[in-house]
Amino acid sequence: MRPSAGAGSGVGIAAGEYHTLVLLQDSLPVPRLLNPTRKGNQFSALAQTLSPKNYALEFKSSLAATNWTAVCTNGGNGALRILTDPVATGAQRFYRMRQW
């Protein structure tokens, strides 16, 4: 399957018996999500943050969808921060990290 236009660039991929995960990055340069993991219904990843930037972990359930839903926001402090989706339910979710 090819991603739709505007889906962003894939920066990481993981697969298991019942899941496939693709981390997407928009065209704007942002730090990468590190060590993405999903345990049960919780998804989390580390992000190297910069001060005074803010960061959000966002998801959508289809590459064709245009709206992203923020599930976690953190202020940057120059250190690693954990971004978590505590209710990562459903057959698929596509994640991205946004900074502003």
C-alpha atoms as a PDB file:
ATOM      1  CA  MET A   1       0.000   0.000   0.000  1.00  0.00           C
ATOM      2  CA  ARG A   2       1.312   3.446  -0.876  1.00  0.00           C
ATOM      3  CA  PRO A   3       0.823   6.334   1.545  1.00  0.00           C
ATOM      4  CA  SER A   4      -1.428   9.123   0.368  1.00  0.00           C
ATOM      5  CA  ALA A   5      -0.052  12.507  -0.629  1.00  0.00           C
ATOM      6  CA  GLY A   6       0.915  14.593   2.357  1.00  0.00           C
ATOM      7  CA  ALA A   7       1.297  11.573   4.630  1.00  0.00           C
ATOM      8  CA  GLY A   8       4.839  12.583   5.584  1.00  0.00           C
ATOM      9  CA  SER A   9       8.024  10.568   5.559  1.00  0.00           C
ATOM     10  CA  GLY A  10       8.409   7.266   7.339  1.00  0.00           C
ATOM     11  CA  VAL A  11      11.139   7.499   9.988  1.00  0.00           C
ATOM     12  CA  GLY A  12      10.641   4.126  11.634  1.00  0.00           C
ATOM     13  CA  ILE A  13       8.764   0.870  11.248  1.00  0.00           C
ATOM     14  CA  ALA A  14       7.994  -2.061  13.536  1.00  0.00           C
ATOM     15  CA  ALA A  15       5.817  -5.137  13.092  1.00  0.00           C
ATOM     16  CA  GLY A  16       4.583  -7.955  15.261  1.00  0.00           C
ATOM     17  CA  GLU A  17       2.074 -10.753  15.186  1.00  0.00           C
ATOM     18  CA  TYR A  18      -0.945  -8.441  15.557  1.00  0.00           C
ATOM     19  CA  HIS A  19       0.374  -4.971  14.738  1.00  0.00           C
ATOM     20  CA  THR A  20       2.331  -2.872  12.291  1.00  0.00           C
ATOM     21  CA  LEU A  21       3.700   0.517  13.284  1.00  0.00           C
ATOM     22  CA  VAL A  22       5.038   3.237  10.987  1.00  0.00           C
ATOM     23  CA  LEU A  23       6.342   6.459  12.501  1.00  0.00           C
ATOM     24  CA  LEU A  24       5.737   9.427  10.238  1.00  0.00           C
ATOM     25  CA  GLN A  25       7.588  12.723  10.088  1.00  0.00           C
ATOM     26  CA  ASP A  26       6.252  15.793   8.334  1.00  0.00           C
ATOM     27  CA  SER A  27       8.495  17.698   5.974  1.00  0.00           C
ATOM     28  CA  LEU A  28       9.533  20.070   8.768  1.00  0.00           C
ATOM     29  CA  PRO A  29      12.709  18.917  10.520  1.00  0.00           C
ATOM     30  CA  VAL A  30      11.888  17.714  14.025  1.00  0.00           C
ATOM     31  CA  PRO A  31      13.688  15.399  16.413  1.00  0.00           C
ATOM     32  CA  ARG A  32      12.909  11.729  15.939  1.00  0.00           C
ATOM     33  CA  LEU A  33      10.910   9.505  18.224  1.00  0.00           C
ATOM     34  CA  LEU A  34      13.246   6.984  19.819  1.00  0.00           C
ATOM     35  CA  ASN A  35      12.529   3.480  21.104  1.00  0.00           C
ATOM     36  CA  PRO A  36       8.829   3.293  20.129  1.00  0.00           C
ATOM     37  CA  THR A  37       7.065   0.577  22.126  1.00  0.00           C
ATOM     38  CA  ARG A  38       3.548  -0.690  22.526  1.00  0.00           C
ATOM     39  CA  LYS A  39       2.630  -2.741  25.567  1.00  0.00           C
ATOM     40  CA  GLY A  40      -1.010  -3.743  25.741  1.00  0.00           C
ATOM     41  CA  ASN A  41      -3.000  -0.597  25.005  1.00  0.00           C
ATOM     42  CA  GLN A  42      -0.170   1.868  25.713  1.00  0.00           C
ATOM     43  CA  PHE A  43       2.195   3.339  23.099  1.00  0.00           C
ATOM     44  CA  SER A  44       5.231   5.332  24.191  1.00  0.00           C
ATOM     45  CA  ALA A  45       8.388   6.753  22.674  1.00  0.00           C
ATOM     46  CA  LEU A  46      11.303   8.896  23.796  1.00  0.00           C
ATOM     47  CA  ALA A  47      11.976  12.269  22.216  1.00  0.00           C
ATOM     48  CA  GLN A  48      15.057  14.453  22.540  1.00  0.00           C
ATOM     49  CA  THR A  49      13.509  17.835  23.271  1.00  0.00           C
ATOM     50  CA  LEU A  50      14.794  21.363  22.909  1.00  0.00           C
ATOM     51  CA  SER A  51      13.982  24.287  25.166  1.00  0.00           C
ATOM     52  CA  PRO A  52      11.732  26.345  24.795  1.00  0.00           C
ATOM     53  CA  LYS A  53       9.916  24.190  22.193  1.00  0.00           C
ATOM     54  CA  ASN A  54       6.689  22.294  22.894  1.00  0.00           C
ATOM     55  CA  TYR A  55       6.019  18.765  21.656  1.00  0.00           C
ATOM     56  CA  ALA A  56       2.887  16.731  20.987  1.00  0.00           C
ATOM     57  CA  LEU A  57       2.418  13.053  20.215  1.00  0.00           C
ATOM     58  CA  GLU A  58      -0.414  12.845  17.684  1.00  0.00           C
ATOM     59  CA  PHE A  59      -2.169   9.993  15.911  1.00  0.00           C
ATOM     60  CA  LYS A  60      -4.636   9.245  13.165  1.00  0.00           C
ATOM     61  CA  SER A  61      -6.197   5.901  12.296  1.00  0.00           C
ATOM     62  CA  SER A  62      -5.818   6.169   8.520  1.00  0.00           C
ATOM     63  CA  LEU A  63      -3.213   7.634   6.192  1.00  0.00           C
ATOM     64  CA  ALA A  64      -6.088   9.123   4.188  1.00  0.00           C
ATOM     65  CA  ALA A  65      -7.363  11.049   7.235  1.00  0.00           C
ATOM     66  CA  THR A  66      -6.404  14.719   7.327  1.00  0.00           C
ATOM     67  CA  ASN A  67      -6.831  15.441  11.039  1.00  0.00           C
ATOM     68  CA  TRP A  68      -4.355  14.421  13.724  1.00  0.00           C
ATOM     69  CA  THR A  69      -5.438  13.955  17.358  1.00  0.00           C
ATOM     70  CA  ALA A  70      -3.039  15.032  20.118  1.00  0.00           C
ATOM     71  CA  VAL A  71      -2.770  12.526  22.967  1.00  0.00           C
ATOM     72  CA  CYS A  72       0.196  13.926  24.851  1.00  0.00           C
ATOM     73  CA  THR A  73       1.935  17.318  25.020  1.00  0.00           C
ATOM     74  CA  ASN A  74       5.155  18.212  26.808  1.00  0.00           C
ATOM     75  CA  GLY A  75       7.367  21.238  27.078  1.00  0.00           C
ATOM     76  CA  GLY A  76      10.925  20.773  25.938  1.00  0.00           C
ATOM     77  CA  ASN A  77      13.753  21.103  28.409  1.00  0.00           C
ATOM     78  CA  GLY A  78      16.792  19.920  26.449  1.00  0.00           C
ATOM     79  CA  ALA A  79      16.444  16.370  27.781  1.00  0.00           C
ATOM     80  CA  LEU A  80      14.758  13.132  26.783  1.00  0.00           C
ATOM     81  CA  ARG A  81      10.998  13.182  27.427  1.00  0.00           C
ATOM     82  CA  ILE A  82       8.563  10.282  27.231  1.00  0.00           C
ATOM     83  CA  LEU A  83       5.549  10.844  24.981  1.00  0.00           C
ATOM     84  CA  THR A  84       2.732   8.391  25.714  1.00  0.00           C
ATOM     85  CA  ASP A  85      -0.618   7.362  24.275  1.00  0.00           C
ATOM     86  CA  PRO A  86      -2.211   5.578  27.257  1.00  0.00           C
ATOM     87  CA  VAL A  87      -5.186   4.256  25.270  1.00  0.00           C
ATOM     88  CA  ALA A  88      -3.644   3.034  21.995  1.00  0.00           C
ATOM     89  CA  THR A  89      -6.639   0.923  21.040  1.00  0.00           C
ATOM     90  CA  GLY A  90      -7.859  -0.047  17.605  1.00  0.00           C
ATOM     91  CA  ALA A  91      -6.434  -2.025  14.745  1.00  0.00           C
ATOM     92  CA  GLN A  92      -4.036   0.691  13.592  1.00  0.00           C
ATOM     93  CA  ARG A  93      -2.746   4.095  14.573  1.00  0.00           C
ATOM     94  CA  PHE A  94      -0.244   6.269  12.764  1.00  0.00           C
ATOM     95  CA  TYR A  95       1.842   8.463  15.074  1.00  0.00           C
ATOM     96  CA  ARG A  96       3.823  11.625  14.609  1.00  0.00           C
ATOM     97  CA  MET A  97       5.577  14.059  16.901  1.00  0.00           C
ATOM     98  CA  ARG A  98       4.877  17.757  16.333  1.00  0.00           C
ATOM     99  CA  GLN A  99       6.978  20.596  17.672  1.00  0.00           C
ATOM    100  CA  TRP A 100       6.195  24.309  17.872  1.00  0.00           C
END
